[in-house]
N, C-alpha and C. Protein backbone atom coordinates (compact mmCIF):
# COMPACT_ATOMS: atom_id res chain seq x y z
N MET A 1 123.68 80.51 116.37
CA MET A 1 124.09 81.97 115.96
C MET A 1 124.56 81.14 113.94
N ARG A 2 124.16 82.20 113.69
CA ARG A 2 124.65 82.13 112.23
C ARG A 2 125.81 83.10 111.88
N LYS A 3 126.84 82.61 111.13
CA LYS A 3 127.74 84.01 110.62
C LYS A 3 127.08 84.19 108.90
N VAL A 4 127.25 85.55 108.97
CA VAL A 4 127.45 86.17 107.21
C VAL A 4 128.29 86.81 107.46
N ARG A 5 129.65 86.44 106.16
CA ARG A 5 130.40 87.01 105.96
C ARG A 5 130.10 88.49 104.84
N ARG A 6 130.47 89.32 105.45
CA ARG A 6 130.30 90.61 104.74
C ARG A 6 130.68 90.78 103.52
N ALA A 7 130.24 90.76 102.06
CA ALA A 7 130.66 90.52 100.99
C ALA A 7 131.22 91.71 100.57
N LEU A 8 131.52 92.66 100.92
CA LEU A 8 131.88 94.10 100.52
C LEU A 8 132.98 94.48 101.42
N GLU A 9 133.65 93.42 102.46
CA GLU A 9 134.38 93.77 102.73
C GLU A 9 135.53 92.59 102.36
N PRO A 10 136.98 92.92 101.74
CA PRO A 10 137.65 91.72 101.75
C PRO A 10 138.65 91.44 103.10
N MET A 11 138.55 90.52 102.87
CA MET A 11 139.27 89.13 103.76
C MET A 11 140.36 90.21 104.40
N VAL A 12 141.49 90.59 103.97
CA VAL A 12 142.42 91.22 104.84
C VAL A 12 142.11 92.94 104.21
N HIS A 13 142.44 93.72 104.92
CA HIS A 13 141.83 95.06 104.72
C HIS A 13 142.92 95.63 103.73
N PRO A 14 142.62 96.10 102.54
CA PRO A 14 143.58 96.77 101.75
C PRO A 14 144.40 97.24 101.82
N GLN A 15 144.75 98.27 102.81
CA GLN A 15 145.82 99.36 102.93
C GLN A 15 146.80 98.51 104.36
N VAL A 16 146.39 97.31 104.27
CA VAL A 16 147.65 96.27 105.35
C VAL A 16 148.06 95.23 104.33
N PRO A 17 149.33 95.20 103.91
CA PRO A 17 149.49 94.04 103.29
C PRO A 17 150.15 92.99 104.16
N VAL A 18 149.93 92.13 103.61
CA VAL A 18 150.92 90.58 104.39
C VAL A 18 151.95 91.07 104.45
N ILE A 19 152.64 90.77 105.59
CA ILE A 19 154.33 91.23 105.22
C ILE A 19 155.29 90.11 105.04
N THR A 20 155.95 90.13 103.92
CA THR A 20 156.95 89.16 103.27
C THR A 20 157.85 89.76 103.03
N PRO A 21 158.90 88.81 102.64
CA PRO A 21 160.54 89.05 103.03
C PRO A 21 160.31 90.01 101.52
N SER A 22 160.08 90.08 100.46
CA SER A 22 159.68 90.79 99.37
C SER A 22 159.28 92.13 100.16
N ILE A 23 158.31 92.01 100.64
CA ILE A 23 157.91 93.36 100.96
C ILE A 23 158.73 94.45 101.87
N GLN A 24 159.19 93.34 102.75
CA GLN A 24 160.37 94.01 103.40
C GLN A 24 161.11 94.78 103.03
N ALA A 25 161.71 94.88 101.76
CA ALA A 25 162.58 95.64 101.27
C ALA A 25 161.90 97.04 100.64
N ARG A 26 160.40 96.77 100.36
CA ARG A 26 159.86 97.82 99.86
C ARG A 26 159.70 99.16 101.12
N LYS A 27 159.31 98.98 102.20
CA LYS A 27 158.99 99.53 103.24
C LYS A 27 159.50 101.08 103.02
N ARG A 28 158.78 101.68 103.24
CA ARG A 28 158.78 103.33 103.23
C ARG A 28 158.36 103.98 103.99
N HIS A 29 156.65 103.65 104.50
CA HIS A 29 156.29 104.32 105.85
C HIS A 29 156.60 104.08 107.63
N ARG A 30 155.86 105.15 108.03
CA ARG A 30 157.21 105.32 108.87
C ARG A 30 156.39 105.46 110.34
N LEU A 31 156.00 105.11 110.89
CA LEU A 31 155.39 104.92 112.17
C LEU A 31 156.06 105.32 113.63
N GLU A 32 155.58 106.56 114.24
CA GLU A 32 155.99 106.86 115.34
C GLU A 32 155.15 107.09 116.25
N VAL A 33 155.35 106.51 117.89
CA VAL A 33 154.61 106.76 118.84
C VAL A 33 155.37 107.32 119.50
N ARG A 34 154.52 108.02 121.00
CA ARG A 34 155.56 108.47 122.27
C ARG A 34 154.99 108.03 123.30
N VAL A 35 156.14 107.01 124.00
CA VAL A 35 155.46 106.25 125.21
C VAL A 35 156.13 106.77 126.38
N THR A 36 155.63 106.13 127.53
CA THR A 36 156.37 106.36 128.99
C THR A 36 157.85 105.68 128.99
N PRO A 37 158.28 105.96 130.02
CA PRO A 37 159.53 105.27 130.38
C PRO A 37 159.32 103.77 130.64
N ALA A 38 157.92 103.40 131.64
CA ALA A 38 157.35 102.18 131.74
C ALA A 38 157.37 101.43 130.71
N GLN A 39 156.33 102.06 129.95
CA GLN A 39 156.02 101.23 128.40
C GLN A 39 157.59 101.27 127.58
N ASP A 40 158.45 102.29 127.75
CA ASP A 40 159.60 101.53 126.49
C ASP A 40 160.36 100.36 127.32
N ALA A 41 160.59 100.42 128.58
CA ALA A 41 161.34 99.48 129.40
C ALA A 41 160.21 98.18 129.09
N LEU A 42 159.16 98.40 129.42
CA LEU A 42 157.93 96.68 129.31
C LEU A 42 158.31 96.40 127.87
N ILE A 43 158.54 97.17 126.46
CA ILE A 43 158.16 97.17 125.61
C ILE A 43 159.97 96.26 125.46
N ARG A 44 161.05 96.72 125.62
CA ARG A 44 162.01 96.16 125.64
C ARG A 44 162.34 95.34 125.86
N ARG A 45 161.99 94.69 127.33
CA ARG A 45 161.92 93.71 128.05
C ARG A 45 161.39 92.65 127.15
N ALA A 46 160.45 92.75 127.00
CA ALA A 46 159.40 91.85 125.87
C ALA A 46 160.47 91.57 124.39
N ALA A 47 160.92 92.60 123.72
CA ALA A 47 161.26 92.26 122.85
C ALA A 47 162.99 91.19 123.17
N ASP A 48 163.44 91.99 123.98
CA ASP A 48 164.24 91.02 124.36
C ASP A 48 164.39 89.52 124.88
N LEU A 49 163.02 89.35 125.23
CA LEU A 49 162.77 88.00 126.13
C LEU A 49 162.30 86.89 124.27
N GLU A 50 162.04 87.61 123.33
CA GLU A 50 161.54 87.05 122.25
C GLU A 50 162.93 87.10 121.44
N HIS A 51 163.82 87.45 122.02
CA HIS A 51 165.13 87.88 120.76
C HIS A 51 164.78 88.26 119.56
N THR A 52 164.47 89.50 119.73
CA THR A 52 164.07 90.20 118.43
C THR A 52 164.18 91.33 118.66
N THR A 53 164.03 92.71 117.73
CA THR A 53 164.49 93.98 118.15
C THR A 53 162.70 94.83 118.11
N VAL A 54 163.17 96.06 119.31
CA VAL A 54 161.95 96.47 119.59
C VAL A 54 161.00 96.86 118.46
N THR A 55 161.69 97.29 117.46
CA THR A 55 160.80 97.61 115.75
C THR A 55 160.16 96.17 115.47
N SER A 56 160.88 94.80 115.38
CA SER A 56 160.17 94.16 114.58
C SER A 56 158.97 93.25 116.17
N PHE A 57 159.39 93.64 117.41
CA PHE A 57 158.18 93.41 118.41
C PHE A 57 157.31 93.68 118.02
N VAL A 58 157.39 95.40 118.12
CA VAL A 58 155.90 96.09 118.01
C VAL A 58 155.54 95.81 116.44
N LEU A 59 155.70 96.00 115.51
CA LEU A 59 155.39 95.30 114.31
C LEU A 59 154.67 94.47 114.83
N ASP A 60 155.22 93.13 114.64
CA ASP A 60 154.55 91.70 115.02
C ASP A 60 153.29 92.20 115.62
N THR A 61 153.61 92.92 116.97
CA THR A 61 152.67 92.77 118.09
C THR A 61 151.55 93.50 117.54
N VAL A 62 151.49 94.51 116.88
CA VAL A 62 150.40 95.40 116.24
C VAL A 62 149.81 95.17 115.16
N THR A 63 150.57 94.26 114.55
CA THR A 63 149.89 94.16 112.96
C THR A 63 149.11 92.67 113.29
N ALA A 64 149.61 91.98 114.35
CA ALA A 64 148.88 90.71 114.70
C ALA A 64 147.55 90.46 115.25
N HIS A 65 147.35 92.03 116.31
CA HIS A 65 146.31 92.59 116.95
C HIS A 65 145.20 93.52 116.04
N ALA A 66 145.96 93.98 114.86
CA ALA A 66 145.33 94.71 113.96
C ALA A 66 144.20 93.77 113.03
N THR A 67 144.70 92.54 112.91
CA THR A 67 144.51 91.59 112.06
C THR A 67 143.60 91.15 112.79
N THR A 68 143.37 90.67 113.92
CA THR A 68 142.43 90.20 115.05
C THR A 68 141.55 91.26 114.83
N VAL A 69 141.49 92.34 114.82
CA VAL A 69 140.42 93.57 115.10
C VAL A 69 139.56 93.29 113.97
N ILE A 70 140.35 93.83 112.73
CA ILE A 70 139.47 93.62 111.02
C ILE A 70 138.66 92.47 111.65
N GLU A 71 139.33 91.24 111.59
CA GLU A 71 138.54 89.63 111.35
C GLU A 71 137.57 90.23 112.09
N ALA A 72 137.13 90.53 113.33
CA ALA A 72 136.52 90.30 114.32
C ALA A 72 135.11 90.90 114.31
N HIS A 73 135.35 91.89 112.89
CA HIS A 73 134.60 93.51 111.88
C HIS A 73 133.99 92.65 110.96
N ARG A 74 134.47 91.96 110.58
CA ARG A 74 134.20 90.99 109.13
C ARG A 74 133.16 90.10 109.03
N ASP A 75 132.78 89.42 109.76
CA ASP A 75 131.24 88.51 110.35
C ASP A 75 130.25 89.29 110.87
N LEU A 76 129.52 89.03 110.52
CA LEU A 76 127.71 89.32 110.95
C LEU A 76 127.28 88.12 111.56
N VAL A 77 127.22 88.30 113.03
CA VAL A 77 126.85 86.92 113.74
C VAL A 77 125.39 87.17 113.98
N LEU A 78 124.27 86.45 113.50
CA LEU A 78 123.18 86.52 113.74
C LEU A 78 122.41 85.07 114.43
N SER A 79 121.29 85.28 115.38
CA SER A 79 120.43 83.99 115.75
C SER A 79 119.58 83.76 114.22
N GLY A 80 119.03 83.01 114.46
CA GLY A 80 118.51 81.58 113.91
C GLY A 80 117.72 82.79 113.36
N ASP A 81 116.53 83.43 114.23
CA ASP A 81 115.23 84.35 113.62
C ASP A 81 116.09 85.35 112.76
N ALA A 82 117.44 85.82 113.56
CA ALA A 82 117.54 87.33 112.46
C ALA A 82 118.26 86.68 110.84
N PHE A 83 118.63 85.51 110.91
CA PHE A 83 119.77 85.26 110.16
C PHE A 83 118.00 84.86 108.86
N ASP A 84 116.63 84.76 109.19
CA ASP A 84 115.87 84.13 108.57
C ASP A 84 115.41 85.51 107.86
N ARG A 85 115.47 86.37 108.78
CA ARG A 85 114.62 87.74 108.43
C ARG A 85 114.94 88.43 107.59
N PHE A 86 116.81 87.77 107.69
CA PHE A 86 118.18 88.60 106.86
C PHE A 86 117.72 88.21 105.54
N LEU A 87 117.65 87.19 105.19
CA LEU A 87 117.38 86.79 103.85
C LEU A 87 116.53 86.73 103.34
N ALA A 88 115.16 87.15 103.81
CA ALA A 88 113.69 87.11 103.59
C ALA A 88 113.79 88.81 102.92
N GLU A 89 114.69 89.83 103.42
CA GLU A 89 115.00 91.01 102.96
C GLU A 89 115.88 90.74 101.78
N LEU A 90 116.60 90.20 101.31
CA LEU A 90 117.35 90.05 100.98
C LEU A 90 116.83 89.13 99.35
N ASP A 91 115.74 88.71 99.68
CA ASP A 91 115.27 87.84 98.50
C ASP A 91 114.06 88.95 98.30
N LYS A 92 113.56 89.97 98.58
CA LYS A 92 112.99 91.32 97.84
C LYS A 92 112.74 91.58 96.91
N PRO A 93 112.18 91.68 96.21
CA PRO A 93 113.08 92.87 94.78
C PRO A 93 113.30 94.06 95.30
N ALA A 94 114.20 94.34 94.85
CA ALA A 94 115.48 95.81 94.69
C ALA A 94 113.96 96.72 94.44
N VAL A 95 114.33 97.81 95.36
CA VAL A 95 113.45 98.74 95.14
C VAL A 95 114.13 100.13 94.25
N ALA A 96 113.63 100.96 93.18
CA ALA A 96 114.90 102.00 93.13
C ALA A 96 114.93 103.68 94.07
N VAL A 97 115.77 103.77 94.29
CA VAL A 97 115.74 105.14 95.24
C VAL A 97 116.07 106.33 94.40
N PRO A 98 115.36 106.74 93.98
CA PRO A 98 115.40 108.26 92.96
C PRO A 98 116.49 109.18 93.58
N GLU A 99 116.78 109.54 94.70
CA GLU A 99 118.08 110.18 95.12
C GLU A 99 118.89 110.03 94.79
N LEU A 100 119.33 108.39 94.39
CA LEU A 100 120.51 107.76 94.13
C LEU A 100 120.77 108.51 92.66
N PHE A 101 119.67 108.22 91.95
CA PHE A 101 119.78 108.36 90.31
C PHE A 101 119.99 110.05 90.35
N ARG A 102 119.74 110.75 91.33
CA ARG A 102 119.48 112.33 91.12
C ARG A 102 121.15 112.56 91.38
N ARG A 103 121.91 111.93 92.36
CA ARG A 103 123.15 112.31 92.68
C ARG A 103 124.34 111.51 92.00
N HIS A 104 123.66 110.58 91.21
CA HIS A 104 124.96 110.04 90.65
C HIS A 104 124.02 109.69 88.69
N PRO A 105 124.41 110.83 88.03
CA PRO A 105 123.39 110.12 87.21
C PRO A 105 123.66 109.71 86.01
N SER A 106 125.26 108.71 86.11
CA SER A 106 125.74 107.46 85.64
C SER A 106 124.98 106.36 85.76
N LEU A 107 124.43 106.31 86.55
CA LEU A 107 123.80 104.75 87.39
C LEU A 107 122.48 104.62 86.06
N PRO A 108 122.39 103.47 85.90
CA PRO A 108 121.31 103.34 84.75
C PRO A 108 119.97 103.18 85.74
N GLU A 109 119.01 103.72 85.32
CA GLU A 109 117.38 103.35 86.08
C GLU A 109 116.89 102.64 85.81
N GLY A 110 116.50 102.22 86.83
CA GLY A 110 115.43 100.91 86.65
C GLY A 110 116.12 99.72 87.33
């Protein structure tokens, strides 16, 4: 299996900044969720066990999971045969799509 990094997607989602102390002071967005009493108790217990606040626990956990999900979708894993076909398609000459030029007149034709 070979991995192909998707060139069109950045390594970190542009709307998910890496949390650093300098960014900490600029937090202005609010995220609210409704939870059951059992979920609330579970989250609070986990935060207590980690010696952190519920807010920090939830933010750290959700951010880590979000990063994992984004990274899992960043790479395209192909078999050797599929990878070779993929490269062969990339090596073919580009074909103009007239519809694109009609929809986007600012694009140079040819």
